Amino acid sequence: MRRHFPIIIEQDSDGVFIVECPSFRGCRSYGDSIEQAMDNICEAIEACLEESPLTEDVTFIGVRDLEVSVA
């Protein structure tokens, strides 16, 4: 069986790609390229599934941009 999971991708100031799967608390990884980061998050998701299989579906709603005034 194959499942789809949402992935959030960011890039830090050093150029490292940081990936997160919001379906699992603390499921994060990184890589020097997007491809490497995606391979690494696949391994992290597999580890999360082994530790705590999903017993209920989590619905990912999306990502929004929020503007906040800063001093």
PDB file of N, CA and C in Angstrom:
ATOM      1  N   MET A   1       0.840  -1.178   0.000  1.00  0.00           N
ATOM      2  CA  MET A   1       0.000   0.000   0.000  1.00  0.00           C
ATOM      3  C   MET A   1       0.890   1.249   0.000  1.00  0.00           C
ATOM      4  N   ARG A   2       0.492   2.244  -0.737  1.00  0.00           N
ATOM      5  CA  ARG A   2       1.228   3.504  -0.783  1.00  0.00           C
ATOM      6  C   ARG A   2       0.320   4.613  -0.265  1.00  0.00           C
ATOM      7  N   ARG A   3       0.912   5.562   0.461  1.00  0.00           N
ATOM      8  CA  ARG A   3       0.164   6.703   0.996  1.00  0.00           C
ATOM      9  C   ARG A   3       0.869   7.988   0.604  1.00  0.00           C
ATOM     10  N   HIS A   4       0.124   9.049   0.550  1.00  0.00           N
ATOM     11  CA  HIS A   4       0.673  10.373   0.260  1.00  0.00           C
ATOM     12  C   HIS A   4       0.698  11.184   1.546  1.00  0.00           C
ATOM     13  N   PHE A   5       1.786  11.918   1.760  1.00  0.00           N
ATOM     14  CA  PHE A   5       1.923  12.766   2.931  1.00  0.00           C
ATOM     15  C   PHE A   5       2.345  14.163   2.483  1.00  0.00           C
ATOM     16  N   PRO A   6       1.818  15.207   3.132  1.00  0.00           N
ATOM     17  CA  PRO A   6       2.244  16.570   2.797  1.00  0.00           C
ATOM     18  C   PRO A   6       3.659  16.815   3.320  1.00  0.00           C
ATOM     19  N   ILE A   7       4.412  17.582   2.571  1.00  0.00           N
ATOM     20  CA  ILE A   7       5.787  17.909   2.942  1.00  0.00           C
ATOM     21  C   ILE A   7       5.955  19.423   2.831  1.00  0.00           C
ATOM     22  N   ILE A   8       6.567  20.016   3.834  1.00  0.00           N
ATOM     23  CA  ILE A   8       6.907  21.441   3.814  1.00  0.00           C
ATOM     24  C   ILE A   8       8.412  21.540   3.576  1.00  0.00           C
ATOM     25  N   ILE A   9       8.801  22.359   2.601  1.00  0.00           N
ATOM     26  CA  ILE A   9      10.219  22.510   2.255  1.00  0.00           C
ATOM     27  C   ILE A   9      10.623  23.960   2.485  1.00  0.00           C
ATOM     28  N   GLU A  10      11.724  24.143   3.203  1.00  0.00           N
ATOM     29  CA  GLU A  10      12.293  25.473   3.436  1.00  0.00           C
ATOM     30  C   GLU A  10      13.780  25.413   3.107  1.00  0.00           C
ATOM     31  N   GLN A  11      14.391  26.562   2.943  1.00  0.00           N
ATOM     32  CA  GLN A  11      15.833  26.622   2.733  1.00  0.00           C
ATOM     33  C   GLN A  11      16.415  27.634   3.703  1.00  0.00           C
ATOM     34  N   ASP A  12      17.444  27.206   4.452  1.00  0.00           N
ATOM     35  CA  ASP A  12      18.030  28.126   5.431  1.00  0.00           C
ATOM     36  C   ASP A  12      19.081  29.017   4.769  1.00  0.00           C
ATOM     37  N   SER A  13      19.672  29.897   5.554  1.00  0.00           N
ATOM     38  CA  SER A  13      20.618  30.884   5.013  1.00  0.00           C
ATOM     39  C   SER A  13      21.902  30.248   4.474  1.00  0.00           C
ATOM     40  N   ASP A  14      22.179  29.010   4.883  1.00  0.00           N
ATOM     41  CA  ASP A  14      23.357  28.298   4.382  1.00  0.00           C
ATOM     42  C   ASP A  14      23.054  27.489   3.126  1.00  0.00           C
ATOM     43  N   GLY A  15      21.800  27.524   2.664  1.00  0.00           N
ATOM     44  CA  GLY A  15      21.427  26.795   1.463  1.00  0.00           C
ATOM     45  C   GLY A  15      20.944  25.378   1.712  1.00  0.00           C
ATOM     46  N   VAL A  16      20.858  24.976   2.962  1.00  0.00           N
ATOM     47  CA  VAL A  16      20.401  23.623   3.312  1.00  0.00           C
ATOM     48  C   VAL A  16      18.872  23.576   3.217  1.00  0.00           C
ATOM     49  N   PHE A  17      18.349  22.518   2.622  1.00  0.00           N
ATOM     50  CA  PHE A  17      16.903  22.336   2.499  1.00  0.00           C
ATOM     51  C   PHE A  17      16.389  21.582   3.720  1.00  0.00           C
ATOM     52  N   ILE A  18      15.417  22.167   4.398  1.00  0.00           N
ATOM     53  CA  ILE A  18      14.810  21.587   5.595  1.00  0.00           C
ATOM     54  C   ILE A  18      13.416  21.134   5.209  1.00  0.00           C
ATOM     55  N   VAL A  19      13.095  19.875   5.504  1.00  0.00           N
ATOM     56  CA  VAL A  19      11.795  19.311   5.140  1.00  0.00           C
ATOM     57  C   VAL A  19      11.087  18.808   6.384  1.00  0.00           C
ATOM     58  N   GLU A  20       9.770  18.933   6.369  1.00  0.00           N
ATOM     59  CA  GLU A  20       8.963  18.522   7.520  1.00  0.00           C
ATOM     60  C   GLU A  20       7.688  17.864   7.013  1.00  0.00           C
ATOM     61  N   CYS A  21       7.261  16.815   7.700  1.00  0.00           N
ATOM     62  CA  CYS A  21       5.989  16.174   7.409  1.00  0.00           C
ATOM     63  C   CYS A  21       5.053  16.471   8.572  1.00  0.00           C
ATOM     64  N   PRO A  22       4.085  17.386   8.391  1.00  0.00           N
ATOM     65  CA  PRO A  22       3.221  17.789   9.499  1.00  0.00           C
ATOM     66  C   PRO A  22       2.253  16.702   9.980  1.00  0.00           C
ATOM     67  N   SER A  23       2.196  15.573   9.289  1.00  0.00           N
ATOM     68  CA  SER A  23       1.326  14.475   9.729  1.00  0.00           C
ATOM     69  C   SER A  23       1.871  13.786  10.984  1.00  0.00           C
ATOM     70  N   PHE A  24       3.168  14.000  11.250  1.00  0.00           N
ATOM     71  CA  PHE A  24       3.815  13.384  12.404  1.00  0.00           C
ATOM     72  C   PHE A  24       4.530  14.470  13.201  1.00  0.00           C
ATOM     73  N   ARG A  25       4.314  14.508  14.493  1.00  0.00           N
ATOM     74  CA  ARG A  25       4.975  15.493  15.349  1.00  0.00           C
ATOM     75  C   ARG A  25       6.486  15.241  15.347  1.00  0.00           C
ATOM     76  N   GLY A  26       7.249  16.268  15.006  1.00  0.00           N
ATOM     77  CA  GLY A  26       8.705  16.178  15.054  1.00  0.00           C
ATOM     78  C   GLY A  26       9.343  15.458  13.884  1.00  0.00           C
ATOM     79  N   CYS A  27       8.600  15.202  12.818  1.00  0.00           N
ATOM     80  CA  CYS A  27       9.144  14.486  11.661  1.00  0.00           C
ATOM     81  C   CYS A  27       9.791  15.489  10.720  1.00  0.00           C
ATOM     82  N   ARG A  28      11.106  15.655  10.889  1.00  0.00           N
ATOM     83  CA  ARG A  28      11.867  16.630  10.106  1.00  0.00           C
ATOM     84  C   ARG A  28      13.165  16.005   9.624  1.00  0.00           C
ATOM     85  N   SER A  29      13.692  16.546   8.553  1.00  0.00           N
ATOM     86  CA  SER A  29      15.002  16.130   8.062  1.00  0.00           C
ATOM     87  C   SER A  29      15.568  17.264   7.214  1.00  0.00           C
ATOM     88  N   TYR A  30      16.686  17.027   6.566  1.00  0.00           N
ATOM     89  CA  TYR A  30      17.313  18.065   5.760  1.00  0.00           C
ATOM     90  C   TYR A  30      18.205  17.422   4.709  1.00  0.00           C
ATOM     91  N   GLY A  31      18.696  18.247   3.789  1.00  0.00           N
ATOM     92  CA  GLY A  31      19.627  17.776   2.775  1.00  0.00           C
ATOM     93  C   GLY A  31      20.262  18.949   2.060  1.00  0.00           C
ATOM     94  N   ASP A  32      21.372  18.679   1.385  1.00  0.00           N
ATOM     95  CA  ASP A  32      22.069  19.723   0.639  1.00  0.00           C
ATOM     96  C   ASP A  32      21.368  20.040  -0.680  1.00  0.00           C
ATOM     97  N   SER A  33      20.479  19.151  -1.129  1.00  0.00           N
ATOM     98  CA  SER A  33      19.663  19.385  -2.315  1.00  0.00           C
ATOM     99  C   SER A  33      18.225  18.983  -1.973  1.00  0.00           C
ATOM    100  N   ILE A  34      17.273  19.427  -2.799  1.00  0.00           N
ATOM    101  CA  ILE A  34      15.885  19.030  -2.551  1.00  0.00           C
ATOM    102  C   ILE A  34      15.751  17.516  -2.669  1.00  0.00           C
ATOM    103  N   GLU A  35      16.419  16.926  -3.655  1.00  0.00           N
ATOM    104  CA  GLU A  35      16.338  15.475  -3.840  1.00  0.00           C
ATOM    105  C   GLU A  35      16.842  14.728  -2.602  1.00  0.00           C
ATOM    106  N   GLN A  36      17.976  15.170  -2.063  1.00  0.00           N
ATOM    107  CA  GLN A  36      18.529  14.541  -0.866  1.00  0.00           C
ATOM    108  C   GLN A  36      17.592  14.735   0.323  1.00  0.00           C
ATOM    109  N   ALA A  37      17.043  15.931   0.450  1.00  0.00           N
ATOM    110  CA  ALA A  37      16.121  16.206   1.552  1.00  0.00           C
ATOM    111  C   ALA A  37      14.870  15.330   1.438  1.00  0.00           C
ATOM    112  N   MET A  38      14.352  15.150   0.215  1.00  0.00           N
ATOM    113  CA  MET A  38      13.168  14.312   0.018  1.00  0.00           C
ATOM    114  C   MET A  38      13.471  12.849   0.322  1.00  0.00           C
ATOM    115  N   ASP A  39      14.633  12.361  -0.072  1.00  0.00           N
ATOM    116  CA  ASP A  39      15.022  10.986   0.280  1.00  0.00           C
ATOM    117  C   ASP A  39      15.091  10.834   1.795  1.00  0.00           C
ATOM    118  N   ASN A  40      15.664  11.846   2.459  1.00  0.00           N
ATOM    119  CA  ASN A  40      15.817  11.777   3.915  1.00  0.00           C
ATOM    120  C   ASN A  40      14.468  11.843   4.631  1.00  0.00           C
ATOM    121  N   ILE A  41      13.523  12.654   4.141  1.00  0.00           N
ATOM    122  CA  ILE A  41      12.220  12.730   4.812  1.00  0.00           C
ATOM    123  C   ILE A  41      11.444  11.444   4.582  1.00  0.00           C
ATOM    124  N   CYS A  42      11.661  10.772   3.451  1.00  0.00           N
ATOM    125  CA  CYS A  42      11.024   9.457   3.243  1.00  0.00           C
ATOM    126  C   CYS A  42      11.470   8.483   4.327  1.00  0.00           C
ATOM    127  N   GLU A  43      12.758   8.465   4.612  1.00  0.00           N
ATOM    128  CA  GLU A  43      13.279   7.597   5.671  1.00  0.00           C
ATOM    129  C   GLU A  43      12.702   7.993   7.026  1.00  0.00           C
ATOM    130  N   ALA A  44      12.581   9.299   7.276  1.00  0.00           N
ATOM    131  CA  ALA A  44      12.031   9.769   8.555  1.00  0.00           C
ATOM    132  C   ALA A  44      10.562   9.364   8.690  1.00  0.00           C
ATOM    133  N   ILE A  45       9.797   9.476   7.609  1.00  0.00           N
ATOM    134  CA  ILE A  45       8.381   9.074   7.646  1.00  0.00           C
ATOM    135  C   ILE A  45       8.267   7.577   7.897  1.00  0.00           C
ATOM    136  N   GLU A  46       9.106   6.783   7.227  1.00  0.00           N
ATOM    137  CA  GLU A  46       9.087   5.336   7.453  1.00  0.00           C
ATOM    138  C   GLU A  46       9.383   5.014   8.915  1.00  0.00           C
ATOM    139  N   ALA A  47      10.330   5.724   9.516  1.00  0.00           N
ATOM    140  CA  ALA A  47      10.647   5.510  10.932  1.00  0.00           C
ATOM    141  C   ALA A  47       9.463   5.908  11.813  1.00  0.00           C
ATOM    142  N   CYS A  48       8.807   7.010  11.488  1.00  0.00           N
ATOM    143  CA  CYS A  48       7.635   7.436  12.259  1.00  0.00           C
ATOM    144  C   CYS A  48       6.515   6.411  12.160  1.00  0.00           C
ATOM    145  N   LEU A  49       6.314   5.850  10.972  1.00  0.00           N
ATOM    146  CA  LEU A  49       5.262   4.847  10.781  1.00  0.00           C
ATOM    147  C   LEU A  49       5.560   3.568  11.557  1.00  0.00           C
ATOM    148  N   GLU A  50       6.843   3.190  11.627  1.00  0.00           N
ATOM    149  CA  GLU A  50       7.223   1.998  12.397  1.00  0.00           C
ATOM    150  C   GLU A  50       6.984   2.223  13.883  1.00  0.00           C
ATOM    151  N   GLU A  51       7.294   3.420  14.356  1.00  0.00           N
ATOM    152  CA  GLU A  51       7.158   3.735  15.772  1.00  0.00           C
ATOM    153  C   GLU A  51       5.697   3.901  16.181  1.00  0.00           C
ATOM    154  N   SER A  52       4.924   4.565  15.340  1.00  0.00           N
ATOM    155  CA  SER A  52       3.541   4.867  15.684  1.00  0.00           C
ATOM    156  C   SER A  52       2.691   4.919  14.418  1.00  0.00           C
ATOM    157  N   PRO A  53       2.174   3.772  13.974  1.00  0.00           N
ATOM    158  CA  PRO A  53       1.351   3.769  12.768  1.00  0.00           C
ATOM    159  C   PRO A  53       0.148   4.704  12.912  1.00  0.00           C
ATOM    160  N   LEU A  54      -0.222   5.333  11.804  1.00  0.00           N
ATOM    161  CA  LEU A  54      -1.379   6.223  11.831  1.00  0.00           C
ATOM    162  C   LEU A  54      -2.636   5.405  12.074  1.00  0.00           C
ATOM    163  N   THR A  55      -3.355   5.740  13.132  1.00  0.00           N
ATOM    164  CA  THR A  55      -4.607   5.050  13.408  1.00  0.00           C
ATOM    165  C   THR A  55      -5.788   5.866  12.917  1.00  0.00           C
ATOM    166  N   GLU A  56      -5.556   7.133  12.657  1.00  0.00           N
ATOM    167  CA  GLU A  56      -6.599   7.987  12.102  1.00  0.00           C
ATOM    168  C   GLU A  56      -5.974   8.874  11.050  1.00  0.00           C
ATOM    169  N   ASP A  57      -6.739   9.219  10.062  1.00  0.00           N
ATOM    170  CA  ASP A  57      -6.236  10.091   9.011  1.00  0.00           C
ATOM    171  C   ASP A  57      -6.171  11.528   9.505  1.00  0.00           C
ATOM    172  N   VAL A  58      -5.079  12.185   9.186  1.00  0.00           N
ATOM    173  CA  VAL A  58      -4.911  13.597   9.485  1.00  0.00           C
ATOM    174  C   VAL A  58      -5.088  14.343   8.171  1.00  0.00           C
ATOM    175  N   THR A  59      -5.915  15.337   8.169  1.00  0.00           N
ATOM    176  CA  THR A  59      -6.156  16.105   6.960  1.00  0.00           C
ATOM    177  C   THR A  59      -5.276  17.341   6.957  1.00  0.00           C
ATOM    178  N   PHE A  60      -4.396  17.415   6.002  1.00  0.00           N
ATOM    179  CA  PHE A  60      -3.526  18.583   5.853  1.00  0.00           C
ATOM    180  C   PHE A  60      -4.328  19.668   5.148  1.00  0.00           C
ATOM    181  N   ILE A  61      -4.440  20.817   5.764  1.00  0.00           N
ATOM    182  CA  ILE A  61      -5.238  21.905   5.219  1.00  0.00           C
ATOM    183  C   ILE A  61      -4.429  22.774   4.264  1.00  0.00           C
ATOM    184  N   GLY A  62      -3.194  23.080   4.619  1.00  0.00           N
ATOM    185  CA  GLY A  62      -2.371  23.889   3.735  1.00  0.00           C
ATOM    186  C   GLY A  62      -1.411  24.771   4.495  1.00  0.00           C
ATOM    187  N   VAL A  63      -0.720  25.600   3.751  1.00  0.00           N
ATOM    188  CA  VAL A  63       0.238  26.546   4.317  1.00  0.00           C
ATOM    189  C   VAL A  63      -0.219  27.937   3.924  1.00  0.00           C
ATOM    190  N   ARG A  64      -0.156  28.849   4.860  1.00  0.00           N
ATOM    191  CA  ARG A  64      -0.562  30.238   4.580  1.00  0.00           C
ATOM    192  C   ARG A  64       0.583  31.164   4.930  1.00  0.00           C
ATOM    193  N   ASP A  65       0.586  32.301   4.297  1.00  0.00           N
ATOM    194  CA  ASP A  65       1.548  33.348   4.570  1.00  0.00           C
ATOM    195  C   ASP A  65       0.900  34.370   5.470  1.00  0.00           C
ATOM    196  N   LEU A  66       1.577  34.761   6.535  1.00  0.00           N
ATOM    197  CA  LEU A  66       1.031  35.707   7.507  1.00  0.00           C
ATOM    198  C   LEU A  66       1.971  36.888   7.624  1.00  0.00           C
ATOM    199  N   GLU A  67       1.453  38.076   7.458  1.00  0.00           N
ATOM    200  CA  GLU A  67       2.247  39.298   7.590  1.00  0.00           C
ATOM    201  C   GLU A  67       2.143  39.820   8.996  1.00  0.00           C
ATOM    202  N   VAL A  68       3.267  40.076   9.646  1.00  0.00           N
ATOM    203  CA  VAL A  68       3.318  40.562  11.019  1.00  0.00           C
ATOM    204  C   VAL A  68       4.245  41.776  11.070  1.00  0.00           C
ATOM    205  N   SER A  69       3.819  42.817  11.746  1.00  0.00           N
ATOM    206  CA  SER A  69       4.666  44.005  11.900  1.00  0.00           C
ATOM    207  C   SER A  69       5.767  43.702  12.908  1.00  0.00           C
ATOM    208  N   VAL A  70       6.987  44.071  12.567  1.00  0.00           N
ATOM    209  CA  VAL A  70       8.117  43.889  13.467  1.00  0.00           C
ATOM    210  C   VAL A  70       8.814  45.221  13.648  1.00  0.00           C
ATOM    211  N   ALA A  71       9.404  45.412  14.790  1.00  0.00           N
ATOM    212  CA  ALA A  71      10.076  46.676  15.094  1.00  0.00           C
ATOM    213  C   ALA A  71      11.422  46.752  14.439  1.00  0.00           C
TER     214      ALA A  71
END
